Amino acid sequence: MTAKTLYQFFLTDCKSGHTRISRRLAGEFLVDRIICRNVEAKSSYLSVFVPRGITEPAINALAMEYRAIIDEEDRAGFSKGTIFTGRVFIYHEGYMFEEKRVELENLLKKDGADPRFFGPDEEVKRNSPLYRK
């Protein structure tokens, strides 16, 4: 068995139709983002990969810009009849203290997001032979 990186999990966790692009948050933090769409359920969610070294400022910028990302998708016609659920998956390579994660989570929730964080521990957990999905 070959271990997957957190980035590989980010790329493969979206099982349905999607669009993936790189984007600069706050004009400086380069992240990858995917809008995952489930046409049958008519729903979509945002998934973002934040590389090591920019974790906290990039997620802070994401909290300010995630709605604009969704709006851009809708205007471009990529939403394909789906409705954004508010769910935001955040894959981040950098470690964060729990207090900071909660602070960023609350910032996202304040604007209607339903964030889920997947950090370096997720890579270890999911590569473990004990992991069951």
C-alpha atoms as a PDB file:
ATOM      1  CA  MET A   1       0.000   0.000   0.000  1.00  0.00           C
ATOM      2  CA  THR A   2       1.314   3.427  -0.949  1.00  0.00           C
ATOM      3  CA  ALA A   3       0.598   6.287   1.427  1.00  0.00           C
ATOM      4  CA  LYS A   4      -1.351   9.221   0.020  1.00  0.00           C
ATOM      5  CA  THR A   5      -0.494  12.816   0.717  1.00  0.00           C
ATOM      6  CA  LEU A   6      -3.030  15.270   2.081  1.00  0.00           C
ATOM      7  CA  TYR A   7      -3.084  16.878  -1.373  1.00  0.00           C
ATOM      8  CA  GLN A   8      -3.992  13.533  -2.958  1.00  0.00           C
ATOM      9  CA  PHE A   9      -6.868  13.154  -0.504  1.00  0.00           C
ATOM     10  CA  PHE A  10      -7.980  16.675  -1.432  1.00  0.00           C
ATOM     11  CA  LEU A  11      -7.974  15.717  -5.117  1.00  0.00           C
ATOM     12  CA  THR A  12      -9.768  12.385  -4.724  1.00  0.00           C
ATOM     13  CA  ASP A  13     -12.304  13.102  -1.973  1.00  0.00           C
ATOM     14  CA  CYS A  14     -14.619  14.872  -4.394  1.00  0.00           C
ATOM     15  CA  LYS A  15     -16.314  11.914  -6.053  1.00  0.00           C
ATOM     16  CA  SER A  16     -18.754  13.840  -8.224  1.00  0.00           C
ATOM     17  CA  GLY A  17     -18.442  16.475 -10.924  1.00  0.00           C
ATOM     18  CA  HIS A  18     -16.124  19.323 -10.089  1.00  0.00           C
ATOM     19  CA  THR A  19     -13.979  22.187 -11.279  1.00  0.00           C
ATOM     20  CA  ARG A  20     -10.480  22.673  -9.819  1.00  0.00           C
ATOM     21  CA  ILE A  21      -8.409  25.831 -10.157  1.00  0.00           C
ATOM     22  CA  SER A  22      -5.687  27.677  -8.307  1.00  0.00           C
ATOM     23  CA  ARG A  23      -6.624  30.997  -6.756  1.00  0.00           C
ATOM     24  CA  ARG A  24      -4.880  33.774  -4.865  1.00  0.00           C
ATOM     25  CA  LEU A  25      -6.696  34.678  -1.678  1.00  0.00           C
ATOM     26  CA  ALA A  26      -6.222  38.283  -0.516  1.00  0.00           C
ATOM     27  CA  GLY A  27      -4.111  38.708  -3.641  1.00  0.00           C
ATOM     28  CA  GLU A  28      -1.194  36.725  -2.206  1.00  0.00           C
ATOM     29  CA  PHE A  29      -1.997  33.272  -0.784  1.00  0.00           C
ATOM     30  CA  LEU A  30      -2.048  30.692  -3.589  1.00  0.00           C
ATOM     31  CA  VAL A  31      -4.427  27.817  -2.847  1.00  0.00           C
ATOM     32  CA  ASP A  32      -6.161  25.154  -4.926  1.00  0.00           C
ATOM     33  CA  ARG A  33      -9.906  24.959  -4.754  1.00  0.00           C
ATOM     34  CA  ILE A  34     -12.539  22.560  -6.001  1.00  0.00           C
ATOM     35  CA  ILE A  35     -16.277  23.066  -6.207  1.00  0.00           C
ATOM     36  CA  CYS A  36     -17.722  19.562  -5.789  1.00  0.00           C
ATOM     37  CA  ARG A  37     -21.163  19.057  -7.314  1.00  0.00           C
ATOM     38  CA  ASN A  38     -23.722  16.335  -6.774  1.00  0.00           C
ATOM     39  CA  VAL A  39     -26.160  16.813  -9.639  1.00  0.00           C
ATOM     40  CA  GLU A  40     -28.590  14.185  -8.305  1.00  0.00           C
ATOM     41  CA  ALA A  41     -28.830  15.926  -4.927  1.00  0.00           C
ATOM     42  CA  LYS A  42     -28.593  19.349  -6.644  1.00  0.00           C
ATOM     43  CA  SER A  43     -25.973  20.423  -4.106  1.00  0.00           C
ATOM     44  CA  SER A  44     -22.371  21.617  -4.112  1.00  0.00           C
ATOM     45  CA  TYR A  45     -19.629  22.381  -1.626  1.00  0.00           C
ATOM     46  CA  LEU A  46     -16.261  24.093  -1.649  1.00  0.00           C
ATOM     47  CA  SER A  47     -13.012  22.240  -0.989  1.00  0.00           C
ATOM     48  CA  VAL A  48      -9.745  24.178  -0.538  1.00  0.00           C
ATOM     49  CA  PHE A  49      -6.124  23.017  -0.214  1.00  0.00           C
ATOM     50  CA  VAL A  50      -3.845  25.326   1.773  1.00  0.00           C
ATOM     51  CA  PRO A  51      -0.113  24.529   1.504  1.00  0.00           C
ATOM     52  CA  ARG A  52       2.272  24.656   4.440  1.00  0.00           C
ATOM     53  CA  GLY A  53       3.547  28.084   5.457  1.00  0.00           C
ATOM     54  CA  ILE A  54       0.368  30.090   4.809  1.00  0.00           C
ATOM     55  CA  THR A  55      -2.208  28.150   6.811  1.00  0.00           C
ATOM     56  CA  GLU A  56      -3.654  30.761   9.145  1.00  0.00           C
ATOM     57  CA  PRO A  57      -3.548  33.863   6.901  1.00  0.00           C
ATOM     58  CA  ALA A  58      -4.890  31.923   3.908  1.00  0.00           C
ATOM     59  CA  ILE A  59      -7.808  30.462   5.874  1.00  0.00           C
ATOM     60  CA  ASN A  60      -8.534  33.913   7.296  1.00  0.00           C
ATOM     61  CA  ALA A  61      -8.624  35.272   3.723  1.00  0.00           C
ATOM     62  CA  LEU A  62     -10.808  32.336   2.667  1.00  0.00           C
ATOM     63  CA  ALA A  63     -13.344  33.311   5.323  1.00  0.00           C
ATOM     64  CA  MET A  64     -13.585  36.735   3.684  1.00  0.00           C
ATOM     65  CA  GLU A  65     -13.710  35.448   0.091  1.00  0.00           C
ATOM     66  CA  TYR A  66     -15.453  32.073  -0.006  1.00  0.00           C
ATOM     67  CA  ARG A  67     -18.819  33.583  -0.942  1.00  0.00           C
ATOM     68  CA  ALA A  68     -17.186  35.393  -3.880  1.00  0.00           C
ATOM     69  CA  ILE A  69     -15.773  32.064  -5.079  1.00  0.00           C
ATOM     70  CA  ILE A  70     -19.249  30.523  -5.058  1.00  0.00           C
ATOM     71  CA  ASP A  71     -20.769  33.580  -6.753  1.00  0.00           C
ATOM     72  CA  GLU A  72     -18.120  33.435  -9.515  1.00  0.00           C
ATOM     73  CA  GLU A  73     -18.992  29.784 -10.164  1.00  0.00           C
ATOM     74  CA  ASP A  74     -22.689  30.627 -10.359  1.00  0.00           C
ATOM     75  CA  ARG A  75     -22.132  33.568 -12.737  1.00  0.00           C
ATOM     76  CA  ALA A  76     -19.911  31.442 -14.976  1.00  0.00           C
ATOM     77  CA  GLY A  77     -22.616  28.765 -15.154  1.00  0.00           C
ATOM     78  CA  PHE A  78     -20.458  26.061 -13.561  1.00  0.00           C
ATOM     79  CA  SER A  79     -22.868  25.412 -10.707  1.00  0.00           C
ATOM     80  CA  LYS A  80     -24.943  23.356 -13.168  1.00  0.00           C
ATOM     81  CA  GLY A  81     -28.213  23.638 -11.288  1.00  0.00           C
ATOM     82  CA  THR A  82     -26.786  22.913  -7.866  1.00  0.00           C
ATOM     83  CA  ILE A  83     -27.154  24.908  -4.667  1.00  0.00           C
ATOM     84  CA  PHE A  84     -24.190  25.621  -2.415  1.00  0.00           C
ATOM     85  CA  THR A  85     -24.712  23.840   0.917  1.00  0.00           C
ATOM     86  CA  GLY A  86     -22.396  26.104   2.895  1.00  0.00           C
ATOM     87  CA  ARG A  87     -20.019  23.207   3.519  1.00  0.00           C
ATOM     88  CA  VAL A  88     -16.357  24.187   3.165  1.00  0.00           C
ATOM     89  CA  PHE A  89     -13.680  21.483   3.399  1.00  0.00           C
ATOM     90  CA  ILE A  90     -10.271  22.935   4.286  1.00  0.00           C
ATOM     91  CA  TYR A  91      -7.226  20.709   3.767  1.00  0.00           C
ATOM     92  CA  HIS A  92      -4.208  22.405   5.365  1.00  0.00           C
ATOM     93  CA  GLU A  93      -0.637  21.116   5.580  1.00  0.00           C
ATOM     94  CA  GLY A  94       0.351  23.413   8.435  1.00  0.00           C
ATOM     95  CA  TYR A  95      -0.337  22.644  12.074  1.00  0.00           C
ATOM     96  CA  MET A  96      -2.658  24.939  14.012  1.00  0.00           C
ATOM     97  CA  PHE A  97      -3.335  25.273  17.687  1.00  0.00           C
ATOM     98  CA  GLU A  98      -6.890  24.278  18.575  1.00  0.00           C
ATOM     99  CA  GLU A  99      -7.750  27.826  19.701  1.00  0.00           C
ATOM    100  CA  LYS A 100      -6.744  29.201  16.286  1.00  0.00           C
ATOM    101  CA  ARG A 101      -8.729  26.522  14.446  1.00  0.00           C
ATOM    102  CA  VAL A 102     -11.814  27.367  16.517  1.00  0.00           C
ATOM    103  CA  GLU A 103     -11.283  31.089  15.852  1.00  0.00           C
ATOM    104  CA  LEU A 104     -11.088  30.490  12.080  1.00  0.00           C
ATOM    105  CA  GLU A 105     -14.030  28.084  12.211  1.00  0.00           C
ATOM    106  CA  ASN A 106     -16.156  30.724  13.973  1.00  0.00           C
ATOM    107  CA  LEU A 107     -15.097  33.352  11.429  1.00  0.00           C
ATOM    108  CA  LEU A 108     -16.318  31.108   8.600  1.00  0.00           C
ATOM    109  CA  LYS A 109     -19.526  30.211  10.445  1.00  0.00           C
ATOM    110  CA  LYS A 110     -20.250  33.898  11.035  1.00  0.00           C
ATOM    111  CA  ASP A 111     -20.769  34.263   7.273  1.00  0.00           C
ATOM    112  CA  GLY A 112     -22.877  31.109   6.935  1.00  0.00           C
ATOM    113  CA  ALA A 113     -20.206  28.505   6.149  1.00  0.00           C
ATOM    114  CA  ASP A 114     -20.153  25.007   7.600  1.00  0.00           C
ATOM    115  CA  PRO A 115     -16.367  24.385   7.729  1.00  0.00           C
ATOM    116  CA  ARG A 116     -14.551  21.068   8.138  1.00  0.00           C
ATOM    117  CA  PHE A 117     -10.795  21.103   8.749  1.00  0.00           C
ATOM    118  CA  PHE A 118      -8.404  18.369   7.617  1.00  0.00           C
ATOM    119  CA  GLY A 119      -4.823  18.950   8.761  1.00  0.00           C
ATOM    120  CA  PRO A 120      -1.606  16.915   8.830  1.00  0.00           C
ATOM    121  CA  ASP A 121      -3.155  14.479  11.321  1.00  0.00           C
ATOM    122  CA  GLU A 122      -5.755  13.537   8.678  1.00  0.00           C
ATOM    123  CA  GLU A 123      -2.972  12.275   6.394  1.00  0.00           C
ATOM    124  CA  VAL A 124      -1.592  10.077   9.182  1.00  0.00           C
ATOM    125  CA  LYS A 125      -5.045   8.824  10.192  1.00  0.00           C
ATOM    126  CA  ARG A 126      -6.215   7.933   6.686  1.00  0.00           C
ATOM    127  CA  ASN A 127      -2.965   6.191   5.771  1.00  0.00           C
ATOM    128  CA  SER A 128      -3.182   4.008   8.859  1.00  0.00           C
ATOM    129  CA  PRO A 129      -4.166   0.376   8.265  1.00  0.00           C
ATOM    130  CA  LEU A 130      -6.729   0.878  11.052  1.00  0.00           C
ATOM    131  CA  TYR A 131      -8.588   3.611   9.147  1.00  0.00           C
ATOM    132  CA  ARG A 132     -12.069   2.719   7.941  1.00  0.00           C
ATOM    133  CA  LYS A 133     -14.002   5.162   5.875  1.00  0.00           C
END
